[in-house]
């Protein structure tokens, strides 16, 4: 049972690392904003869960469409599609009137969640 938990934690960390790298490289303004507001970790967890969910869904979809394709190739293609999905849900540069809402960590998280759901 403990080994299963450790394996899940390792997978979760992989998704978290992917999201962190994505934010640092492609969304530096958002990354800096989340760091300043001390909401980076919470948002990383949320985005990592979204990435994992999309990845697993894409694995099933690709496997259903191409059952003869190898598991590693399916997982790789599915991860690429899941990352594209996540990028589509990330907010663009913040609009000036939204800055007031993001002054508190709770406001920042609610702002990001609404933006993710709207995408």
C-alpha atoms as a PDB file:
ATOM      1  CA  UNK A   1       0.000   0.000   0.000  1.00  0.00           C
ATOM      2  CA  UNK A   2       2.818   2.425   0.837  1.00  0.00           C
ATOM      3  CA  UNK A   3       4.556   1.668  -2.490  1.00  0.00           C
ATOM      4  CA  UNK A   4       1.356   2.565  -4.349  1.00  0.00           C
ATOM      5  CA  UNK A   5       1.148   5.913  -2.573  1.00  0.00           C
ATOM      6  CA  UNK A   6       4.796   6.647  -3.341  1.00  0.00           C
ATOM      7  CA  UNK A   7       4.272   5.804  -7.016  1.00  0.00           C
ATOM      8  CA  UNK A   8       1.232   8.135  -7.181  1.00  0.00           C
ATOM      9  CA  UNK A   9       3.266  10.876  -5.505  1.00  0.00           C
ATOM     10  CA  UNK A  10       6.060  10.383  -8.054  1.00  0.00           C
ATOM     11  CA  UNK A  11       3.598  10.658 -10.950  1.00  0.00           C
ATOM     12  CA  UNK A  12       2.035  13.752  -9.375  1.00  0.00           C
ATOM     13  CA  UNK A  13       5.473  15.336  -9.045  1.00  0.00           C
ATOM     14  CA  UNK A  14       6.171  14.633 -12.720  1.00  0.00           C
ATOM     15  CA  UNK A  15       3.023  16.500 -13.759  1.00  0.00           C
ATOM     16  CA  UNK A  16       3.833  19.305 -11.304  1.00  0.00           C
ATOM     17  CA  UNK A  17       7.339  19.624 -12.744  1.00  0.00           C
ATOM     18  CA  UNK A  18       5.962  19.794 -16.285  1.00  0.00           C
ATOM     19  CA  UNK A  19       3.561  22.565 -15.273  1.00  0.00           C
ATOM     20  CA  UNK A  20       6.263  24.474 -13.393  1.00  0.00           C
ATOM     21  CA  UNK A  21       8.597  24.339 -16.376  1.00  0.00           C
ATOM     22  CA  UNK A  22       5.782  25.415 -18.700  1.00  0.00           C
ATOM     23  CA  UNK A  23       4.951  28.414 -16.516  1.00  0.00           C
ATOM     24  CA  UNK A  24       8.582  29.443 -16.117  1.00  0.00           C
ATOM     25  CA  UNK A  25       9.372  29.224 -19.822  1.00  0.00           C
ATOM     26  CA  UNK A  26       6.168  30.253 -21.567  1.00  0.00           C
ATOM     27  CA  UNK A  27       4.212  32.231 -18.980  1.00  0.00           C
ATOM     28  CA  UNK A  28       6.861  34.101 -16.959  1.00  0.00           C
ATOM     29  CA  UNK A  29       4.495  36.940 -16.019  1.00  0.00           C
ATOM     30  CA  UNK A  30       1.938  34.528 -14.605  1.00  0.00           C
ATOM     31  CA  UNK A  31       4.682  32.550 -12.846  1.00  0.00           C
ATOM     32  CA  UNK A  32       6.030  35.721 -11.222  1.00  0.00           C
ATOM     33  CA  UNK A  33       2.543  36.876 -10.207  1.00  0.00           C
ATOM     34  CA  UNK A  34       1.762  33.544  -8.557  1.00  0.00           C
ATOM     35  CA  UNK A  35       5.125  33.579  -6.749  1.00  0.00           C
ATOM     36  CA  UNK A  36       4.584  37.125  -5.484  1.00  0.00           C
ATOM     37  CA  UNK A  37       1.111  36.278  -4.234  1.00  0.00           C
ATOM     38  CA  UNK A  38       2.364  33.034  -2.695  1.00  0.00           C
ATOM     39  CA  UNK A  39      -0.180  30.985  -4.635  1.00  0.00           C
ATOM     40  CA  UNK A  40       2.261  29.239  -6.976  1.00  0.00           C
ATOM     41  CA  UNK A  41       2.199  25.881  -5.178  1.00  0.00           C
ATOM     42  CA  UNK A  42      -1.599  25.749  -4.964  1.00  0.00           C
ATOM     43  CA  UNK A  43      -1.941  26.662  -8.625  1.00  0.00           C
ATOM     44  CA  UNK A  44       0.743  24.172  -9.654  1.00  0.00           C
ATOM     45  CA  UNK A  45      -1.191  21.414  -7.914  1.00  0.00           C
ATOM     46  CA  UNK A  46      -4.426  22.450  -9.633  1.00  0.00           C
ATOM     47  CA  UNK A  47      -2.814  22.639 -13.067  1.00  0.00           C
ATOM     48  CA  UNK A  48      -0.988  19.325 -12.467  1.00  0.00           C
ATOM     49  CA  UNK A  49      -4.296  17.620 -11.638  1.00  0.00           C
ATOM     50  CA  UNK A  50      -5.830  19.089 -14.790  1.00  0.00           C
ATOM     51  CA  UNK A  51      -2.848  17.920 -16.856  1.00  0.00           C
ATOM     52  CA  UNK A  52      -3.023  14.401 -15.405  1.00  0.00           C
ATOM     53  CA  UNK A  53      -6.765  14.146 -15.996  1.00  0.00           C
ATOM     54  CA  UNK A  54      -6.394  15.295 -19.602  1.00  0.00           C
ATOM     55  CA  UNK A  55      -3.429  12.954 -20.134  1.00  0.00           C
ATOM     56  CA  UNK A  56      -5.343   9.914 -18.913  1.00  0.00           C
ATOM     57  CA  UNK A  57      -8.376  10.853 -21.016  1.00  0.00           C
ATOM     58  CA  UNK A  58      -6.216  11.219 -24.121  1.00  0.00           C
ATOM     59  CA  UNK A  59      -4.542   7.868 -23.450  1.00  0.00           C
ATOM     60  CA  UNK A  60      -7.938   6.182 -23.454  1.00  0.00           C
ATOM     61  CA  UNK A  61      -9.072   8.047 -26.568  1.00  0.00           C
ATOM     62  CA  UNK A  62      -5.927   7.292 -28.569  1.00  0.00           C
ATOM     63  CA  UNK A  63      -5.934   3.646 -27.460  1.00  0.00           C
ATOM     64  CA  UNK A  64      -9.561   3.314 -28.501  1.00  0.00           C
ATOM     65  CA  UNK A  65      -8.831   4.843 -31.917  1.00  0.00           C
ATOM     66  CA  UNK A  66      -5.539   2.959 -32.493  1.00  0.00           C
ATOM     67  CA  UNK A  67      -5.432  -0.190 -30.337  1.00  0.00           C
ATOM     68  CA  UNK A  68      -2.402  -1.521 -32.234  1.00  0.00           C
ATOM     69  CA  UNK A  69      -0.212   1.432 -31.194  1.00  0.00           C
ATOM     70  CA  UNK A  70       2.324   0.789 -28.436  1.00  0.00           C
ATOM     71  CA  UNK A  71       1.664   2.007 -24.909  1.00  0.00           C
ATOM     72  CA  UNK A  72       4.697   4.314 -24.807  1.00  0.00           C
ATOM     73  CA  UNK A  73       3.797   5.993 -28.076  1.00  0.00           C
ATOM     74  CA  UNK A  74       0.208   6.445 -26.913  1.00  0.00           C
ATOM     75  CA  UNK A  75       1.362   7.924 -23.605  1.00  0.00           C
ATOM     76  CA  UNK A  76       3.728  10.308 -25.388  1.00  0.00           C
ATOM     77  CA  UNK A  77       1.112  11.498 -27.886  1.00  0.00           C
ATOM     78  CA  UNK A  78      -1.447  11.823 -25.111  1.00  0.00           C
ATOM     79  CA  UNK A  79       0.905  13.942 -23.009  1.00  0.00           C
ATOM     80  CA  UNK A  80       1.540  16.293 -25.924  1.00  0.00           C
ATOM     81  CA  UNK A  81      -2.211  16.725 -26.420  1.00  0.00           C
ATOM     82  CA  UNK A  82      -2.784  17.193 -22.688  1.00  0.00           C
ATOM     83  CA  UNK A  83      -0.120  19.900 -22.540  1.00  0.00           C
ATOM     84  CA  UNK A  84      -1.738  21.660 -25.508  1.00  0.00           C
ATOM     85  CA  UNK A  85      -5.064  21.467 -23.671  1.00  0.00           C
ATOM     86  CA  UNK A  86      -3.501  22.953 -20.533  1.00  0.00           C
ATOM     87  CA  UNK A  87      -1.865  25.748 -22.507  1.00  0.00           C
ATOM     88  CA  UNK A  88      -5.267  26.583 -23.959  1.00  0.00           C
ATOM     89  CA  UNK A  89      -6.713  26.936 -20.472  1.00  0.00           C
ATOM     90  CA  UNK A  90      -3.941  29.138 -19.075  1.00  0.00           C
ATOM     91  CA  UNK A  91      -4.808  32.818 -18.899  1.00  0.00           C
ATOM     92  CA  UNK A  92      -3.162  35.300 -21.216  1.00  0.00           C
ATOM     93  CA  UNK A  93      -1.505  38.410 -19.841  1.00  0.00           C
ATOM     94  CA  UNK A  94      -3.701  39.758 -17.032  1.00  0.00           C
ATOM     95  CA  UNK A  95      -6.041  42.570 -17.925  1.00  0.00           C
ATOM     96  CA  UNK A  96      -5.709  45.747 -15.822  1.00  0.00           C
ATOM     97  CA  UNK A  97      -9.189  45.543 -14.279  1.00  0.00           C
ATOM     98  CA  UNK A  98      -8.476  41.967 -13.133  1.00  0.00           C
ATOM     99  CA  UNK A  99      -5.416  43.017 -11.114  1.00  0.00           C
ATOM    100  CA  UNK A 100      -7.495  44.218  -8.146  1.00  0.00           C
ATOM    101  CA  UNK A 101      -9.180  40.822  -7.812  1.00  0.00           C
ATOM    102  CA  UNK A 102      -5.829  39.015  -7.618  1.00  0.00           C
ATOM    103  CA  UNK A 103      -4.401  40.942  -4.661  1.00  0.00           C
ATOM    104  CA  UNK A 104      -5.282  38.193  -2.198  1.00  0.00           C
ATOM    105  CA  UNK A 105      -4.303  34.523  -2.601  1.00  0.00           C
ATOM    106  CA  UNK A 106      -7.953  33.464  -2.536  1.00  0.00           C
ATOM    107  CA  UNK A 107      -8.880  36.092  -5.124  1.00  0.00           C
ATOM    108  CA  UNK A 108      -5.947  35.016  -7.282  1.00  0.00           C
ATOM    109  CA  UNK A 109      -6.974  31.369  -7.179  1.00  0.00           C
ATOM    110  CA  UNK A 110     -10.625  32.162  -7.895  1.00  0.00           C
ATOM    111  CA  UNK A 111      -9.546  34.349 -10.822  1.00  0.00           C
ATOM    112  CA  UNK A 112      -7.456  31.496 -12.295  1.00  0.00           C
ATOM    113  CA  UNK A 113     -10.149  28.882 -11.720  1.00  0.00           C
ATOM    114  CA  UNK A 114     -12.748  31.030 -13.487  1.00  0.00           C
ATOM    115  CA  UNK A 115     -10.345  31.605 -16.381  1.00  0.00           C
ATOM    116  CA  UNK A 116      -9.627  27.854 -16.601  1.00  0.00           C
ATOM    117  CA  UNK A 117     -13.320  26.949 -16.606  1.00  0.00           C
ATOM    118  CA  UNK A 118     -14.161  29.592 -19.202  1.00  0.00           C
ATOM    119  CA  UNK A 119     -11.596  28.149 -21.633  1.00  0.00           C
END
